[in-house]
C-alpha atoms as a PDB file:
ATOM      1  CA  MET A   1    -154.085  11.566  83.921  1.00  0.00           C
ATOM      2  CA  LYS A   2    -152.277   8.936  81.882  1.00  0.00           C
ATOM      3  CA  MET A   3    -151.706   5.341  82.987  1.00  0.00           C
ATOM      4  CA  HIS A   4    -148.977   2.967  81.805  1.00  0.00           C
ATOM      5  CA  PHE A   5    -148.660  -0.741  82.593  1.00  0.00           C
ATOM      6  CA  LEU A   6    -144.941  -1.491  82.914  1.00  0.00           C
ATOM      7  CA  ASN A   7    -143.039  -4.763  82.600  1.00  0.00           C
ATOM      8  CA  SER A   8    -141.306  -5.293  85.943  1.00  0.00           C
ATOM      9  CA  GLY A   9    -140.189  -8.896  85.584  1.00  0.00           C
ATOM     10  CA  ARG A  10    -141.525 -12.366  84.960  1.00  0.00           C
ATOM     11  CA  LEU A  11    -141.823 -15.441  87.186  1.00  0.00           C
ATOM     12  CA  ARG A  12    -142.327 -19.178  86.924  1.00  0.00           C
ATOM     13  CA  MET A  13    -144.225 -20.891  89.743  1.00  0.00           C
ATOM     14  CA  LYS A  14    -146.068 -24.136  90.408  1.00  0.00           C
ATOM     15  CA  LYS A  15    -149.483 -23.839  88.797  1.00  0.00           C
ATOM     16  CA  ARG A  16    -151.179 -25.732  91.642  1.00  0.00           C
ATOM     17  CA  VAL A  17    -150.494 -22.733  93.907  1.00  0.00           C
ATOM     18  CA  PHE A  18    -153.176 -20.878  91.953  1.00  0.00           C
ATOM     19  CA  VAL A  19    -155.239 -23.535  90.144  1.00  0.00           C
ATOM     20  CA  PRO A  20    -156.778 -26.370  92.199  1.00  0.00           C
ATOM     21  CA  GLY A  21    -156.249 -29.913  90.964  1.00  0.00           C
ATOM     22  CA  THR A  22    -153.234 -29.118  88.803  1.00  0.00           C
ATOM     23  CA  ASP A  23    -150.422 -31.667  88.530  1.00  0.00           C
ATOM     24  CA  ARG A  24    -147.637 -31.046  91.042  1.00  0.00           C
ATOM     25  CA  GLU A  25    -145.016 -30.587  88.319  1.00  0.00           C
ATOM     26  CA  GLU A  26    -146.971 -28.265  86.053  1.00  0.00           C
ATOM     27  CA  THR A  27    -145.770 -24.656  86.057  1.00  0.00           C
ATOM     28  CA  ILE A  28    -147.210 -21.296  85.102  1.00  0.00           C
ATOM     29  CA  GLU A  29    -145.472 -18.188  83.769  1.00  0.00           C
ATOM     30  CA  MET A  30    -146.584 -14.931  85.295  1.00  0.00           C
ATOM     31  CA  PRO A  31    -145.953 -11.246  84.523  1.00  0.00           C
ATOM     32  CA  VAL A  32    -144.817  -8.852  87.240  1.00  0.00           C
ATOM     33  CA  ILE A  33    -146.583  -5.527  86.746  1.00  0.00           C
ATOM     34  CA  SER A  34    -145.964  -1.971  87.886  1.00  0.00           C
ATOM     35  CA  THR A  35    -148.434   0.777  87.045  1.00  0.00           C
ATOM     36  CA  LEU A  36    -147.372   4.343  86.328  1.00  0.00           C
ATOM     37  CA  PHE A  37    -149.776   7.266  86.678  1.00  0.00           C
ATOM     38  CA  ARG A  38    -148.837  10.637  85.205  1.00  0.00           C
ATOM     39  CA  HIS A  39    -151.066  12.982  87.171  1.00  0.00           C
ATOM     40  CA  ALA A  40    -151.021  16.777  86.994  1.00  0.00           C
ATOM     41  CA  LYS A  41    -149.782  16.868  90.595  1.00  0.00           C
ATOM     42  CA  GLY A  42    -147.041  14.253  90.224  1.00  0.00           C
ATOM     43  CA  ASN A  43    -145.909  10.867  88.962  1.00  0.00           C
ATOM     44  CA  VAL A  44    -147.159   7.862  90.928  1.00  0.00           C
ATOM     45  CA  LEU A  45    -145.884   4.292  90.728  1.00  0.00           C
ATOM     46  CA  PHE A  46    -148.002   1.433  92.044  1.00  0.00           C
ATOM     47  CA  ASP A  47    -145.597  -1.412  92.912  1.00  0.00           C
ATOM     48  CA  THR A  48    -141.977  -1.614  91.809  1.00  0.00           C
ATOM     49  CA  GLY A  49    -141.566  -5.245  90.753  1.00  0.00           C
ATOM     50  CA  CYS A  50    -138.474  -7.413  91.029  1.00  0.00           C
ATOM     51  CA  HIS A  51    -134.975  -6.176  91.832  1.00  0.00           C
ATOM     52  CA  PRO A  52    -132.661  -6.341  88.784  1.00  0.00           C
ATOM     53  CA  SER A  53    -130.236  -8.700  90.543  1.00  0.00           C
ATOM     54  CA  VAL A  54    -132.721 -11.585  90.729  1.00  0.00           C
ATOM     55  CA  GLY A  55    -132.317 -12.133  87.016  1.00  0.00           C
ATOM     56  CA  VAL A  56    -128.702 -13.071  87.670  1.00  0.00           C
ATOM     57  CA  ASP A  57    -128.804 -14.729  91.102  1.00  0.00           C
ATOM     58  CA  ALA A  58    -132.247 -14.880  92.658  1.00  0.00           C
ATOM     59  CA  GLU A  59    -131.121 -16.981  95.607  1.00  0.00           C
ATOM     60  CA  ALA A  60    -128.562 -14.363  96.657  1.00  0.00           C
ATOM     61  CA  ARG A  61    -131.369 -11.811  96.941  1.00  0.00           C
ATOM     62  CA  TRP A  62    -134.359 -13.940  97.917  1.00  0.00           C
ATOM     63  CA  GLY A  63    -132.824 -16.929  99.678  1.00  0.00           C
ATOM     64  CA  GLY A  64    -135.046 -20.002  99.794  1.00  0.00           C
ATOM     65  CA  MET A  65    -137.944 -18.106  98.227  1.00  0.00           C
ATOM     66  CA  ALA A  66    -136.172 -18.440  94.866  1.00  0.00           C
ATOM     67  CA  ARG A  67    -136.823 -22.190  94.893  1.00  0.00           C
ATOM     68  CA  PHE A  68    -140.559 -21.744  94.320  1.00  0.00           C
ATOM     69  CA  MET A  69    -140.674 -18.277  92.693  1.00  0.00           C
ATOM     70  CA  THR A  70    -138.217 -18.352  89.787  1.00  0.00           C
ATOM     71  CA  PRO A  71    -137.413 -15.170  87.813  1.00  0.00           C
ATOM     72  CA  ILE A  72    -137.398 -15.873  84.066  1.00  0.00           C
ATOM     73  CA  ALA A  73    -137.449 -12.401  82.498  1.00  0.00           C
ATOM     74  CA  PRO A  74    -134.737 -11.441  80.003  1.00  0.00           C
ATOM     75  CA  PRO A  75    -131.826  -9.424  81.447  1.00  0.00           C
ATOM     76  CA  GLN A  76    -132.565  -5.764  82.238  1.00  0.00           C
ATOM     77  CA  THR A  77    -136.314  -6.371  82.490  1.00  0.00           C
ATOM     78  CA  ASN A  78    -137.275  -4.212  85.451  1.00  0.00           C
ATOM     79  CA  VAL A  79    -139.312  -1.149  86.286  1.00  0.00           C
ATOM     80  CA  VAL A  80    -136.363   1.248  86.059  1.00  0.00           C
ATOM     81  CA  ASN A  81    -135.703   0.298  82.438  1.00  0.00           C
ATOM     82  CA  SER A  82    -139.419   0.248  81.656  1.00  0.00           C
ATOM     83  CA  LEU A  83    -139.719   3.793  82.998  1.00  0.00           C
ATOM     84  CA  ALA A  84    -136.786   4.861  80.832  1.00  0.00           C
ATOM     85  CA  GLU A  85    -138.682   3.683  77.768  1.00  0.00           C
ATOM     86  CA  ALA A  86    -141.486   6.030  78.847  1.00  0.00           C
ATOM     87  CA  GLY A  87    -139.005   8.897  79.214  1.00  0.00           C
ATOM     88  CA  LEU A  88    -138.717   8.894  83.013  1.00  0.00           C
ATOM     89  CA  ALA A  89    -135.923   8.262  85.507  1.00  0.00           C
ATOM     90  CA  PRO A  90    -136.373   7.047  89.101  1.00  0.00           C
ATOM     91  CA  GLU A  91    -135.964  10.602  90.408  1.00  0.00           C
ATOM     92  CA  ASP A  92    -139.025  11.639  88.371  1.00  0.00           C
ATOM     93  CA  ILE A  93    -141.297   9.504  90.549  1.00  0.00           C
ATOM     94  CA  ASP A  94    -142.940  11.509  93.331  1.00  0.00           C
ATOM     95  CA  ILE A  95    -144.972   8.803  95.055  1.00  0.00           C
ATOM     96  CA  VAL A  96    -144.695   5.015  95.283  1.00  0.00           C
ATOM     97  CA  VAL A  97    -147.650   3.009  96.552  1.00  0.00           C
ATOM     98  CA  ASN A  98    -146.848  -0.575  97.503  1.00  0.00           C
ATOM     99  CA  SER A  99    -149.796  -2.945  97.269  1.00  0.00           C
ATOM    100  CA  HIS A 100    -147.916  -5.188  99.690  1.00  0.00           C
ATOM    101  CA  LEU A 101    -144.314  -5.912 100.612  1.00  0.00           C
ATOM    102  CA  HIS A 102    -143.484  -9.203  98.923  1.00  0.00           C
ATOM    103  CA  PRO A 103    -140.259  -8.955  96.895  1.00  0.00           C
ATOM    104  CA  ASP A 104    -141.890  -9.097  93.474  1.00  0.00           C
ATOM    105  CA  HIS A 105    -143.881  -5.967  94.352  1.00  0.00           C
ATOM    106  CA  CYS A 106    -141.350  -3.767  96.162  1.00  0.00           C
ATOM    107  CA  GLY A 107    -138.011  -5.049  94.839  1.00  0.00           C
ATOM    108  CA  CYS A 108    -137.024  -1.783  93.167  1.00  0.00           C
ATOM    109  CA  ASN A 109    -138.132   0.530  95.968  1.00  0.00           C
ATOM    110  CA  GLU A 110    -134.520   1.414  96.710  1.00  0.00           C
ATOM    111  CA  PHE A 111    -134.085   3.224  93.395  1.00  0.00           C
ATOM    112  CA  PHE A 112    -136.805   5.812  94.049  1.00  0.00           C
ATOM    113  CA  THR A 113    -134.853   7.982  96.435  1.00  0.00           C
ATOM    114  CA  LYS A 114    -136.859  11.173  95.761  1.00  0.00           C
ATOM    115  CA  ALA A 115    -140.241   9.547  96.333  1.00  0.00           C
ATOM    116  CA  GLU A 116    -142.572   9.270  99.285  1.00  0.00           C
ATOM    117  CA  PHE A 117    -143.833   5.739  99.927  1.00  0.00           C
ATOM    118  CA  PHE A 118    -147.275   4.572 101.026  1.00  0.00           C
ATOM    119  CA  CYS A 119    -148.285   1.148 102.314  1.00  0.00           C
ATOM    120  CA  HIS A 120    -151.138  -0.169 104.443  1.00  0.00           C
ATOM    121  CA  GLU A 121    -150.436   0.013 108.158  1.00  0.00           C
ATOM    122  CA  ALA A 122    -151.245  -3.691 108.642  1.00  0.00           C
ATOM    123  CA  GLU A 123    -148.711  -4.612 105.973  1.00  0.00           C
ATOM    124  CA  LEU A 124    -145.944  -2.589 107.585  1.00  0.00           C
ATOM    125  CA  ALA A 125    -146.745  -4.210 110.913  1.00  0.00           C
ATOM    126  CA  ALA A 126    -146.630  -7.713 109.380  1.00  0.00           C
ATOM    127  CA  ALA A 127    -143.348  -7.024 107.585  1.00  0.00           C
ATOM    128  CA  SER A 128    -141.731  -5.716 110.778  1.00  0.00           C
ATOM    129  CA  VAL A 129    -142.228  -8.676 113.121  1.00  0.00           C
ATOM    130  CA  GLU A 130    -139.257 -10.800 114.129  1.00  0.00           C
ATOM    131  CA  GLU A 131    -140.095 -13.787 111.934  1.00  0.00           C
ATOM    132  CA  ALA A 132    -141.476 -11.841 108.980  1.00  0.00           C
ATOM    133  CA  GLU A 133    -139.175 -13.633 106.526  1.00  0.00           C
ATOM    134  CA  LYS A 134    -141.237 -16.800 106.994  1.00  0.00           C
ATOM    135  CA  LEU A 135    -144.205 -14.873 105.595  1.00  0.00           C
ATOM    136  CA  GLY A 136    -142.269 -13.732 102.537  1.00  0.00           C
ATOM    137  CA  TYR A 137    -141.066 -10.362 103.782  1.00  0.00           C
ATOM    138  CA  LEU A 138    -137.415  -9.499 103.187  1.00  0.00           C
ATOM    139  CA  ARG A 139    -136.316  -6.309 104.910  1.00  0.00           C
ATOM    140  CA  ALA A 140    -133.715  -5.503 102.238  1.00  0.00           C
ATOM    141  CA  GLU A 141    -136.566  -5.111  99.751  1.00  0.00           C
ATOM    142  CA  TRP A 142    -138.644  -2.510 101.561  1.00  0.00           C
ATOM    143  CA  ASP A 143    -136.757  -0.963 104.515  1.00  0.00           C
ATOM    144  CA  HIS A 144    -135.033   2.108 103.060  1.00  0.00           C
ATOM    145  CA  PRO A 145    -134.304   5.686 104.221  1.00  0.00           C
ATOM    146  CA  MET A 146    -137.108   7.236 102.162  1.00  0.00           C
ATOM    147  CA  PRO A 147    -140.276   8.169 104.101  1.00  0.00           C
ATOM    148  CA  MET A 148    -142.757   5.284 104.318  1.00  0.00           C
ATOM    149  CA  HIS A 149    -146.260   6.361 105.306  1.00  0.00           C
ATOM    150  CA  ALA A 150    -148.704   3.919 106.864  1.00  0.00           C
ATOM    151  CA  VAL A 151    -152.220   4.374 105.449  1.00  0.00           C
ATOM    152  CA  THR A 152    -155.582   2.670 105.683  1.00  0.00           C
ATOM    153  CA  SER A 153    -158.274   1.956 103.111  1.00  0.00           C
ATOM    154  CA  GLY A 154    -159.555   5.003 101.284  1.00  0.00           C
ATOM    155  CA  HIS A 155    -156.310   6.972 101.151  1.00  0.00           C
ATOM    156  CA  ASP A 156    -156.859   9.552  98.397  1.00  0.00           C
ATOM    157  CA  VAL A 157    -153.400  10.086  96.898  1.00  0.00           C
ATOM    158  CA  PHE A 158    -153.992  13.620  95.565  1.00  0.00           C
ATOM    159  CA  GLY A 159    -157.268  14.480  97.260  1.00  0.00           C
ATOM    160  CA  ASP A 160    -159.269  14.492  94.003  1.00  0.00           C
ATOM    161  CA  SER A 161    -160.657  10.916  94.031  1.00  0.00           C
ATOM    162  CA  ARG A 162    -158.605   9.972  90.968  1.00  0.00           C
ATOM    163  CA  LEU A 163    -156.307   7.542  92.829  1.00  0.00           C
ATOM    164  CA  VAL A 164    -157.683   5.918  95.978  1.00  0.00           C
ATOM    165  CA  THR A 165    -156.368   2.915  97.914  1.00  0.00           C
ATOM    166  CA  VAL A 166    -158.684   0.041  98.868  1.00  0.00           C
ATOM    167  CA  ALA A 167    -157.891  -2.529 101.556  1.00  0.00           C
ATOM    168  CA  LEU A 168    -158.044  -6.103 100.216  1.00  0.00           C
ATOM    169  CA  PRO A 169    -156.630  -8.309 102.993  1.00  0.00           C
ATOM    170  CA  GLY A 170    -156.153 -12.017 102.537  1.00  0.00           C
ATOM    171  CA  HIS A 171    -153.121 -12.571 100.356  1.00  0.00           C
ATOM    172  CA  THR A 172    -151.275 -10.664 103.085  1.00  0.00           C
ATOM    173  CA  PRO A 173    -152.570  -8.825 106.176  1.00  0.00           C
ATOM    174  CA  GLY A 174    -152.278  -5.379 104.587  1.00  0.00           C
ATOM    175  CA  MET A 175    -152.790  -6.103 100.931  1.00  0.00           C
ATOM    176  CA  MET A 176    -154.384  -3.152  99.134  1.00  0.00           C
ATOM    177  CA  GLY A 177    -155.495  -2.274  95.638  1.00  0.00           C
ATOM    178  CA  LEU A 178    -155.770   1.059  93.883  1.00  0.00           C
ATOM    179  CA  ARG A 179    -158.856   2.528  92.249  1.00  0.00           C
ATOM    180  CA  ALA A 180    -157.937   4.773  89.323  1.00  0.00           C
ATOM    181  CA  GLU A 181    -160.477   7.053  87.634  1.00  0.00           C
ATOM    182  CA  LEU A 182    -159.515   7.964  84.060  1.00  0.00           C
ATOM    183  CA  HIS A 183    -161.424  10.519  81.995  1.00  0.00           C
ATOM    184  CA  ARG A 184    -161.489   8.592  78.702  1.00  0.00           C
ATOM    185  CA  ASP A 185    -161.113   4.932  79.679  1.00  0.00           C
ATOM    186  CA  GLY A 186    -163.101   4.930  82.903  1.00  0.00           C
ATOM    187  CA  GLU A 187    -162.319   3.202  86.174  1.00  0.00           C
ATOM    188  CA  PHE A 188    -159.501   0.712  86.566  1.00  0.00           C
ATOM    189  CA  PHE A 189    -159.179  -1.322  89.734  1.00  0.00           C
ATOM    190  CA  ILE A 190    -155.570  -2.476  90.203  1.00  0.00           C
ATOM    191  CA  ALA A 191    -156.069  -5.518  92.423  1.00  0.00           C
ATOM    192  CA  SER A 192    -152.471  -6.764  92.569  1.00  0.00           C
ATOM    193  CA  ASP A 193    -152.237 -10.126  94.350  1.00  0.00           C
ATOM    194  CA  ALA A 194    -155.694  -9.819  95.862  1.00  0.00           C
ATOM    195  CA  VAL A 195    -156.601 -11.350  92.487  1.00  0.00           C
ATOM    196  CA  SER A 196    -153.563 -13.161  91.117  1.00  0.00           C
ATOM    197  CA  LEU A 197    -155.467 -14.689  88.190  1.00  0.00           C
ATOM    198  CA  LYS A 198    -158.885 -13.656  86.882  1.00  0.00           C
ATOM    199  CA  ARG A 199    -160.069 -17.260  87.163  1.00  0.00           C
ATOM    200  CA  ASN A 200    -159.467 -17.086  90.921  1.00  0.00           C
ATOM    201  CA  LEU A 201    -162.020 -14.285  91.186  1.00  0.00           C
ATOM    202  CA  ASP A 202    -164.464 -15.866  88.760  1.00  0.00           C
ATOM    203  CA  ASN A 203    -164.370 -19.272  90.495  1.00  0.00           C
ATOM    204  CA  ASP A 204    -163.997 -18.066  94.096  1.00  0.00           C
ATOM    205  CA  GLU A 205    -160.617 -19.795  94.365  1.00  0.00           C
ATOM    206  CA  ALA A 206    -158.161 -18.851  97.087  1.00  0.00           C
ATOM    207  CA  PRO A 207    -154.558 -19.617  96.059  1.00  0.00           C
ATOM    208  CA  ILE A 208    -152.762 -21.809  98.555  1.00  0.00           C
ATOM    209  CA  ASN A 209    -150.195 -19.069  99.238  1.00  0.00           C
ATOM    210  CA  ALA A 210    -152.871 -16.835 100.797  1.00  0.00           C
ATOM    211  CA  TRP A 211    -152.162 -15.671 104.344  1.00  0.00           C
ATOM    212  CA  ASP A 212    -155.874 -15.961 105.190  1.00  0.00           C
ATOM    213  CA  ALA A 213    -158.106 -17.642 102.602  1.00  0.00           C
ATOM    214  CA  GLU A 214    -161.340 -16.583 104.295  1.00  0.00           C
ATOM    215  CA  LYS A 215    -160.347 -12.919 104.260  1.00  0.00           C
ATOM    216  CA  LEU A 216    -159.202 -13.196 100.663  1.00  0.00           C
ATOM    217  CA  LEU A 217    -162.573 -14.570  99.590  1.00  0.00           C
ATOM    218  CA  ALA A 218    -164.233 -11.654 101.408  1.00  0.00           C
ATOM    219  CA  SER A 219    -161.961  -9.243  99.517  1.00  0.00           C
ATOM    220  CA  TYR A 220    -163.180 -10.794  96.268  1.00  0.00           C
ATOM    221  CA  ASP A 221    -166.587  -9.323  97.127  1.00  0.00           C
ATOM    222  CA  THR A 222    -165.018  -5.848  97.232  1.00  0.00           C
ATOM    223  CA  VAL A 223    -163.409  -6.422  93.840  1.00  0.00           C
ATOM    224  CA  ARG A 224    -166.651  -7.763  92.347  1.00  0.00           C
ATOM    225  CA  GLU A 225    -168.479  -4.670  93.574  1.00  0.00           C
ATOM    226  CA  ARG A 226    -166.157  -2.482  91.526  1.00  0.00           C
ATOM    227  CA  GLU A 227    -166.437  -4.858  88.575  1.00  0.00           C
ATOM    228  CA  ARG A 228    -170.251  -4.621  88.679  1.00  0.00           C
ATOM    229  CA  ALA A 229    -169.882  -0.835  88.734  1.00  0.00           C
ATOM    230  CA  GLY A 230    -168.006  -1.039  85.432  1.00  0.00           C
ATOM    231  CA  ALA A 231    -164.374  -1.035  86.531  1.00  0.00           C
ATOM    232  CA  THR A 232    -161.711  -2.923  84.600  1.00  0.00           C
ATOM    233  CA  ILE A 233    -160.051  -5.321  87.056  1.00  0.00           C
ATOM    234  CA  ILE A 234    -156.284  -5.645  86.672  1.00  0.00           C
ATOM    235  CA  CYS A 235    -154.952  -8.859  88.177  1.00  0.00           C
ATOM    236  CA  GLY A 236    -151.587  -9.293  89.832  1.00  0.00           C
ATOM    237  CA  HIS A 237    -150.083 -11.989  87.614  1.00  0.00           C
ATOM    238  CA  ASP A 238    -152.504 -13.011  84.867  1.00  0.00           C
ATOM    239  CA  ASP A 239    -150.465 -13.585  81.711  1.00  0.00           C
ATOM    240  CA  GLU A 240    -153.519 -13.965  79.481  1.00  0.00           C
ATOM    241  CA  GLN A 241    -154.724 -10.544  80.599  1.00  0.00           C
ATOM    242  CA  TRP A 242    -151.224  -9.050  80.323  1.00  0.00           C
ATOM    243  CA  GLN A 243    -151.014 -10.083  76.666  1.00  0.00           C
ATOM    244  CA  ARG A 244    -154.193  -8.093  75.928  1.00  0.00           C
ATOM    245  CA  LEU A 245    -153.214  -4.889  77.741  1.00  0.00           C
ATOM    246  CA  LYS A 246    -151.612  -1.823  76.238  1.00  0.00           C
ATOM    247  CA  THR A 247    -148.191  -1.750  77.878  1.00  0.00           C
ATOM    248  CA  GLY A 248    -144.991   0.263  77.995  1.00  0.00           C
ATOM    249  CA  VAL A 249    -145.264   3.609  76.188  1.00  0.00           C
ATOM    250  CA  GLU A 250    -148.907   2.941  75.260  1.00  0.00           C
ATOM    251  CA  THR A 251    -151.319   4.716  77.583  1.00  0.00           C
ATOM    252  CA  TYR A 252    -154.789   4.660  79.016  1.00  0.00           C
ATOM    253  CA  GLU A 253    -156.236   8.099  79.725  1.00  0.00           C
END
């Protein structure tokens, strides 16, 4: 199995959301990451990043959310174009796993019309309530005709323990990560926004945009368990980590 980290956008946000004590006007630039797995049984995409249109008019797509989550990636920076660089088209993706349903993680779902989708059952429930938009869920981002399967922690994507979901509630009710077992490079734990920045995990910091800070801190224990076992933890939006990763056509195996 080969794994690619794909550029799926870039955001600017207030740094104090993630780092306590930061000046109110200070900002932070953050990568948006999708992860491609080329498995013998099919191609899997973990998260789909930002919709291409937000680079032109984020407010038209995201409404008021665009005021505090500003897309700053160059034009055409999205998962569809990143996949093309790796030689794949949207129809080549067999399975999409959404860590959660915020628009910077499921914005390109609509392009994967041949895929089956998987998301935690608690996340689908949260995104479906009447006032879900107030929690950052936009139905246009995730509600599409393709099959969306509700799963729980421990969903084994291909039944061989190579790709297994792990519930990490706190950032959202149904936030989940993905444990990936590679033959050469070992275990990777894709934590998504359960760990936005590595310093949050290291310092037991809950970002102020967490749905439930107490549950997020408990999920850190799950992540640390995998880290102690030797897994490489991949954070949701850590630019320092992103700069060190092999990305695009480069692979982990």
